[in-house]
N, C-alpha and C. Protein backbone atom coordinates (compact mmCIF):
# COMPACT_ATOMS: atom_id res chain seq x y z
N UNK A 1 35.78 0.98 -3.73
CA UNK A 1 35.18 0.59 -2.48
C UNK A 1 36.07 0.98 -1.31
N UNK A 2 37.36 0.85 -1.53
CA UNK A 2 38.31 1.16 -0.45
C UNK A 2 38.17 2.62 -0.01
N UNK A 3 38.03 3.51 -0.97
CA UNK A 3 37.88 4.94 -0.64
C UNK A 3 36.61 5.16 0.17
N UNK A 4 35.55 4.47 -0.17
CA UNK A 4 34.29 4.61 0.58
C UNK A 4 34.44 4.06 2.00
N UNK A 5 35.13 2.94 2.14
CA UNK A 5 35.36 2.38 3.47
C UNK A 5 36.20 3.35 4.32
N UNK A 6 37.23 3.92 3.72
CA UNK A 6 38.08 4.87 4.45
C UNK A 6 37.30 6.09 4.92
N UNK A 7 36.30 6.47 4.15
CA UNK A 7 35.49 7.65 4.51
C UNK A 7 34.25 7.28 5.33
N UNK A 8 34.23 6.03 5.79
CA UNK A 8 33.14 5.51 6.63
C UNK A 8 31.79 5.54 5.93
N UNK A 9 31.82 5.36 4.64
CA UNK A 9 30.60 5.26 3.84
C UNK A 9 30.32 3.78 3.59
N UNK A 10 30.03 3.08 4.67
CA UNK A 10 29.94 1.63 4.64
C UNK A 10 28.81 1.12 3.74
N UNK A 11 27.65 1.74 3.84
CA UNK A 11 26.53 1.31 3.00
C UNK A 11 26.83 1.54 1.52
N UNK A 12 27.46 2.64 1.21
CA UNK A 12 27.82 2.93 -0.19
C UNK A 12 28.85 1.92 -0.70
N UNK A 13 29.81 1.55 0.14
CA UNK A 13 30.81 0.56 -0.27
C UNK A 13 30.15 -0.77 -0.60
N UNK A 14 29.20 -1.18 0.22
CA UNK A 14 28.49 -2.44 -0.02
C UNK A 14 27.65 -2.34 -1.29
N UNK A 15 26.92 -1.26 -1.43
CA UNK A 15 26.09 -1.09 -2.62
C UNK A 15 26.94 -1.14 -3.89
N UNK A 16 28.00 -0.36 -3.94
CA UNK A 16 28.82 -0.32 -5.15
C UNK A 16 29.58 -1.62 -5.36
N UNK A 17 29.95 -2.30 -4.28
CA UNK A 17 30.59 -3.60 -4.43
C UNK A 17 29.68 -4.60 -5.12
N UNK A 18 28.44 -4.65 -4.70
CA UNK A 18 27.47 -5.53 -5.35
C UNK A 18 27.21 -5.12 -6.78
N UNK A 19 27.20 -3.81 -7.01
CA UNK A 19 26.97 -3.30 -8.36
C UNK A 19 28.12 -3.68 -9.29
N UNK A 20 29.33 -3.73 -8.78
CA UNK A 20 30.49 -4.19 -9.57
C UNK A 20 30.24 -5.61 -10.05
N UNK A 21 29.76 -6.46 -9.16
CA UNK A 21 29.48 -7.86 -9.54
C UNK A 21 28.35 -7.92 -10.57
N UNK A 22 27.30 -7.13 -10.36
CA UNK A 22 26.21 -7.10 -11.33
C UNK A 22 26.72 -6.70 -12.71
N UNK A 23 27.52 -5.65 -12.77
CA UNK A 23 28.05 -5.18 -14.06
C UNK A 23 28.96 -6.21 -14.70
N UNK A 24 29.77 -6.88 -13.88
CA UNK A 24 30.66 -7.89 -14.45
C UNK A 24 29.87 -9.06 -15.01
N UNK A 25 28.82 -9.47 -14.31
CA UNK A 25 27.98 -10.56 -14.81
C UNK A 25 27.32 -10.16 -16.13
N UNK A 26 26.87 -8.94 -16.23
CA UNK A 26 26.26 -8.47 -17.48
C UNK A 26 27.30 -8.43 -18.60
N UNK A 27 28.50 -8.03 -18.28
CA UNK A 27 29.60 -8.07 -19.25
C UNK A 27 29.85 -9.51 -19.69
N UNK A 28 29.90 -10.42 -18.73
CA UNK A 28 30.15 -11.84 -19.04
C UNK A 28 29.07 -12.40 -19.96
N UNK A 29 27.84 -11.99 -19.75
CA UNK A 29 26.75 -12.45 -20.62
C UNK A 29 27.01 -12.01 -22.06
N UNK A 30 27.38 -10.75 -22.26
CA UNK A 30 27.62 -10.27 -23.62
C UNK A 30 28.82 -10.98 -24.27
N UNK A 31 29.84 -11.25 -23.49
CA UNK A 31 31.02 -11.93 -24.02
C UNK A 31 30.69 -13.37 -24.38
N UNK A 32 30.05 -14.08 -23.46
CA UNK A 32 29.78 -15.50 -23.68
C UNK A 32 28.72 -15.73 -24.76
N UNK A 33 27.81 -14.77 -24.92
CA UNK A 33 26.80 -14.90 -25.97
C UNK A 33 27.23 -14.21 -27.27
N UNK A 34 28.40 -13.59 -27.22
CA UNK A 34 28.97 -12.91 -28.38
C UNK A 34 27.99 -11.90 -28.99
N UNK A 35 27.47 -11.04 -28.12
CA UNK A 35 26.55 -9.99 -28.55
C UNK A 35 27.08 -8.64 -28.10
N UNK A 36 26.71 -7.60 -28.82
CA UNK A 36 27.18 -6.26 -28.49
C UNK A 36 26.33 -5.55 -27.46
N UNK A 37 25.13 -6.06 -27.24
CA UNK A 37 24.20 -5.43 -26.30
C UNK A 37 23.61 -6.50 -25.39
N UNK A 38 23.41 -6.14 -24.15
CA UNK A 38 22.82 -7.06 -23.19
C UNK A 38 21.42 -7.45 -23.64
N UNK A 39 21.12 -8.75 -23.67
CA UNK A 39 19.76 -9.16 -24.03
C UNK A 39 18.72 -8.57 -23.07
N UNK A 40 17.56 -8.27 -23.59
CA UNK A 40 16.51 -7.63 -22.79
C UNK A 40 16.13 -8.45 -21.56
N UNK A 41 16.15 -9.78 -21.67
CA UNK A 41 15.76 -10.60 -20.53
C UNK A 41 16.82 -10.61 -19.42
N UNK A 42 17.93 -9.93 -19.64
CA UNK A 42 18.99 -9.83 -18.62
C UNK A 42 19.08 -8.42 -18.04
N UNK A 43 18.13 -7.59 -18.38
CA UNK A 43 18.14 -6.22 -17.86
C UNK A 43 17.40 -6.17 -16.53
N UNK A 44 18.04 -6.75 -15.53
CA UNK A 44 17.49 -6.79 -14.17
C UNK A 44 18.68 -6.80 -13.20
N UNK A 45 18.42 -6.93 -11.93
CA UNK A 45 19.48 -6.82 -10.92
C UNK A 45 19.68 -8.09 -10.10
N UNK A 46 19.03 -9.18 -10.45
CA UNK A 46 19.11 -10.41 -9.67
C UNK A 46 20.43 -11.13 -9.99
N UNK A 47 21.33 -11.15 -9.03
CA UNK A 47 22.66 -11.71 -9.26
C UNK A 47 22.61 -13.20 -9.58
N UNK A 48 21.73 -13.95 -8.93
CA UNK A 48 21.63 -15.39 -9.20
C UNK A 48 21.19 -15.64 -10.64
N UNK A 49 20.19 -14.92 -11.09
CA UNK A 49 19.71 -15.10 -12.46
C UNK A 49 20.74 -14.63 -13.49
N UNK A 50 21.44 -13.54 -13.18
CA UNK A 50 22.49 -13.07 -14.08
C UNK A 50 23.62 -14.09 -14.17
N UNK A 51 23.99 -14.69 -13.05
CA UNK A 51 25.03 -15.71 -13.06
C UNK A 51 24.59 -16.92 -13.87
N UNK A 52 23.33 -17.29 -13.75
CA UNK A 52 22.81 -18.42 -14.53
C UNK A 52 22.83 -18.11 -16.02
N UNK A 53 22.59 -16.87 -16.39
CA UNK A 53 22.64 -16.47 -17.81
C UNK A 53 24.08 -16.37 -18.31
N UNK A 54 24.97 -15.91 -17.45
CA UNK A 54 26.37 -15.76 -17.84
C UNK A 54 27.07 -17.11 -17.95
N UNK A 55 26.73 -18.01 -17.05
CA UNK A 55 27.38 -19.32 -16.98
C UNK A 55 26.33 -20.41 -16.94
N UNK A 56 25.67 -20.67 -18.07
CA UNK A 56 24.53 -21.59 -18.07
C UNK A 56 24.89 -23.04 -17.80
N UNK A 57 26.14 -23.40 -17.97
CA UNK A 57 26.54 -24.77 -17.67
C UNK A 57 26.37 -25.03 -16.18
N UNK A 58 25.67 -26.07 -15.84
CA UNK A 58 25.41 -26.40 -14.45
C UNK A 58 26.72 -26.56 -13.67
N UNK A 59 27.72 -27.13 -14.30
CA UNK A 59 29.01 -27.32 -13.64
C UNK A 59 29.63 -25.98 -13.25
N UNK A 60 29.60 -25.02 -14.14
CA UNK A 60 30.17 -23.70 -13.85
C UNK A 60 29.38 -23.00 -12.77
N UNK A 61 28.06 -23.07 -12.87
CA UNK A 61 27.21 -22.39 -11.91
C UNK A 61 27.36 -23.01 -10.52
N UNK A 62 27.45 -24.32 -10.46
CA UNK A 62 27.67 -25.00 -9.18
C UNK A 62 28.99 -24.56 -8.58
N UNK A 63 30.02 -24.48 -9.39
CA UNK A 63 31.34 -24.04 -8.92
C UNK A 63 31.25 -22.62 -8.37
N UNK A 64 30.58 -21.75 -9.08
CA UNK A 64 30.46 -20.36 -8.67
C UNK A 64 29.74 -20.23 -7.34
N UNK A 65 28.67 -20.98 -7.15
CA UNK A 65 27.90 -20.89 -5.92
C UNK A 65 28.59 -21.58 -4.75
N UNK A 66 29.33 -22.65 -5.03
CA UNK A 66 29.93 -23.42 -3.94
C UNK A 66 31.24 -22.82 -3.45
N UNK A 67 31.95 -22.12 -4.31
CA UNK A 67 33.28 -21.62 -3.97
C UNK A 67 33.30 -20.10 -3.95
N UNK A 68 33.82 -19.56 -2.89
CA UNK A 68 34.06 -18.13 -2.87
C UNK A 68 32.93 -17.26 -2.39
N UNK A 69 31.84 -17.84 -1.98
CA UNK A 69 30.81 -17.04 -1.33
C UNK A 69 29.86 -16.30 -2.23
N UNK A 70 29.69 -16.75 -3.48
CA UNK A 70 28.76 -16.05 -4.36
C UNK A 70 27.35 -16.03 -3.76
N UNK A 71 26.93 -17.14 -3.22
CA UNK A 71 25.58 -17.20 -2.63
C UNK A 71 25.44 -16.23 -1.48
N UNK A 72 26.47 -16.16 -0.66
CA UNK A 72 26.45 -15.22 0.47
C UNK A 72 26.35 -13.79 -0.04
N UNK A 73 27.12 -13.47 -1.04
CA UNK A 73 27.09 -12.13 -1.61
C UNK A 73 25.73 -11.81 -2.21
N UNK A 74 25.19 -12.74 -3.00
CA UNK A 74 23.90 -12.48 -3.65
C UNK A 74 22.76 -12.42 -2.64
N UNK A 75 22.89 -13.12 -1.52
CA UNK A 75 21.87 -13.04 -0.47
C UNK A 75 21.87 -11.69 0.23
N UNK A 76 23.03 -11.07 0.33
CA UNK A 76 23.16 -9.81 1.08
C UNK A 76 22.91 -8.57 0.24
N UNK A 77 23.05 -8.69 -1.08
CA UNK A 77 23.01 -7.49 -1.93
C UNK A 77 21.74 -7.41 -2.76
N UNK A 78 21.22 -6.21 -2.89
CA UNK A 78 20.20 -5.90 -3.87
C UNK A 78 20.25 -4.39 -4.12
N UNK A 79 19.74 -3.94 -5.26
CA UNK A 79 19.89 -2.52 -5.60
C UNK A 79 19.14 -1.58 -4.66
N UNK A 80 18.22 -2.09 -3.88
CA UNK A 80 17.49 -1.23 -2.94
C UNK A 80 18.37 -0.77 -1.77
N UNK A 81 19.54 -1.36 -1.63
CA UNK A 81 20.44 -0.94 -0.55
C UNK A 81 20.79 0.54 -0.63
N UNK A 82 20.75 1.09 -1.83
CA UNK A 82 21.08 2.52 -1.98
C UNK A 82 20.08 3.41 -1.26
N UNK A 83 18.91 2.88 -0.94
CA UNK A 83 17.89 3.67 -0.25
C UNK A 83 17.81 3.37 1.24
N UNK A 84 18.63 2.47 1.71
CA UNK A 84 18.55 2.02 3.10
C UNK A 84 19.84 2.35 3.85
N UNK A 85 19.92 3.51 4.47
CA UNK A 85 21.16 3.91 5.14
C UNK A 85 21.36 3.17 6.46
N UNK A 86 22.61 3.17 6.90
CA UNK A 86 23.00 2.63 8.21
C UNK A 86 22.64 1.16 8.41
N UNK A 87 22.87 0.37 7.39
CA UNK A 87 22.59 -1.06 7.49
C UNK A 87 23.84 -1.88 7.77
N UNK A 88 25.01 -1.32 7.43
CA UNK A 88 26.24 -2.09 7.55
C UNK A 88 27.21 -1.41 8.50
N UNK A 89 27.75 -2.20 9.42
CA UNK A 89 28.81 -1.71 10.29
C UNK A 89 30.12 -1.70 9.50
N UNK A 90 31.14 -1.12 10.08
CA UNK A 90 32.45 -1.11 9.42
C UNK A 90 32.94 -2.53 9.16
N UNK A 91 32.81 -3.38 10.15
CA UNK A 91 33.28 -4.77 10.02
C UNK A 91 32.51 -5.53 8.94
N UNK A 92 31.20 -5.39 8.94
CA UNK A 92 30.39 -6.10 7.94
C UNK A 92 30.65 -5.57 6.53
N UNK A 93 30.82 -4.26 6.41
CA UNK A 93 31.11 -3.68 5.09
C UNK A 93 32.46 -4.16 4.58
N UNK A 94 33.47 -4.19 5.44
CA UNK A 94 34.79 -4.66 5.03
C UNK A 94 34.73 -6.13 4.62
N UNK A 95 34.01 -6.92 5.39
CA UNK A 95 33.85 -8.34 5.08
C UNK A 95 33.17 -8.51 3.72
N UNK A 96 32.15 -7.73 3.46
CA UNK A 96 31.44 -7.80 2.19
C UNK A 96 32.37 -7.42 1.03
N UNK A 97 33.15 -6.38 1.22
CA UNK A 97 34.05 -5.92 0.15
C UNK A 97 35.14 -6.94 -0.14
N UNK A 98 35.60 -7.63 0.87
CA UNK A 98 36.55 -8.73 0.66
C UNK A 98 35.89 -9.83 -0.17
N UNK A 99 34.65 -10.13 0.16
CA UNK A 99 33.89 -11.14 -0.58
C UNK A 99 33.70 -10.72 -2.03
N UNK A 100 33.44 -9.45 -2.26
CA UNK A 100 33.30 -8.93 -3.63
C UNK A 100 34.60 -9.18 -4.41
N UNK A 101 35.73 -8.90 -3.81
CA UNK A 101 37.01 -9.14 -4.47
C UNK A 101 37.22 -10.60 -4.83
N UNK A 102 36.86 -11.47 -3.91
CA UNK A 102 37.00 -12.91 -4.14
C UNK A 102 36.08 -13.37 -5.27
N UNK A 103 34.82 -12.97 -5.21
CA UNK A 103 33.87 -13.37 -6.25
C UNK A 103 34.27 -12.78 -7.60
N UNK A 104 34.70 -11.54 -7.62
CA UNK A 104 35.13 -10.92 -8.88
C UNK A 104 36.29 -11.70 -9.49
N UNK A 105 37.25 -12.10 -8.68
CA UNK A 105 38.38 -12.89 -9.18
C UNK A 105 37.91 -14.22 -9.76
N UNK A 106 36.99 -14.86 -9.07
CA UNK A 106 36.48 -16.13 -9.57
C UNK A 106 35.70 -15.96 -10.88
N UNK A 107 34.93 -14.90 -10.97
CA UNK A 107 34.19 -14.66 -12.21
C UNK A 107 35.14 -14.42 -13.37
N UNK A 108 36.21 -13.67 -13.11
CA UNK A 108 37.20 -13.45 -14.18
C UNK A 108 37.81 -14.76 -14.63
N UNK A 109 38.10 -15.65 -13.71
CA UNK A 109 38.66 -16.97 -14.06
C UNK A 109 37.68 -17.77 -14.89
N UNK A 110 36.42 -17.75 -14.50
CA UNK A 110 35.41 -18.50 -15.23
C UNK A 110 35.22 -17.98 -16.64
N UNK A 111 35.43 -16.68 -16.82
CA UNK A 111 35.22 -16.06 -18.12
C UNK A 111 36.34 -16.37 -19.11
N UNK A 112 37.51 -16.73 -18.61
CA UNK A 112 38.66 -16.98 -19.49
C UNK A 112 38.53 -18.28 -20.24
């Protein structure tokens, strides 16, 4: 994401940042369910639903949504962003990427 921000590819940085979270949630689902392949009902892009599948315990999910801006991130990101150019300013893209880092760190903690 940093390379994209440096090259002023703000929309791409936001899109790929959200995609990192989507991929991590899908990884978390396979780890927590102890399966080698993502279940078919998780083959979508909705971050809230993926988080609910990865961390089905209400306590974990509440923690994820309340701390670190997961809700803010999931509200701002969707895979259609790749088709919508010039939506993010430099400041908003940097803010989003910082949020991605924070959420990613929290997801890694929850997975341990």
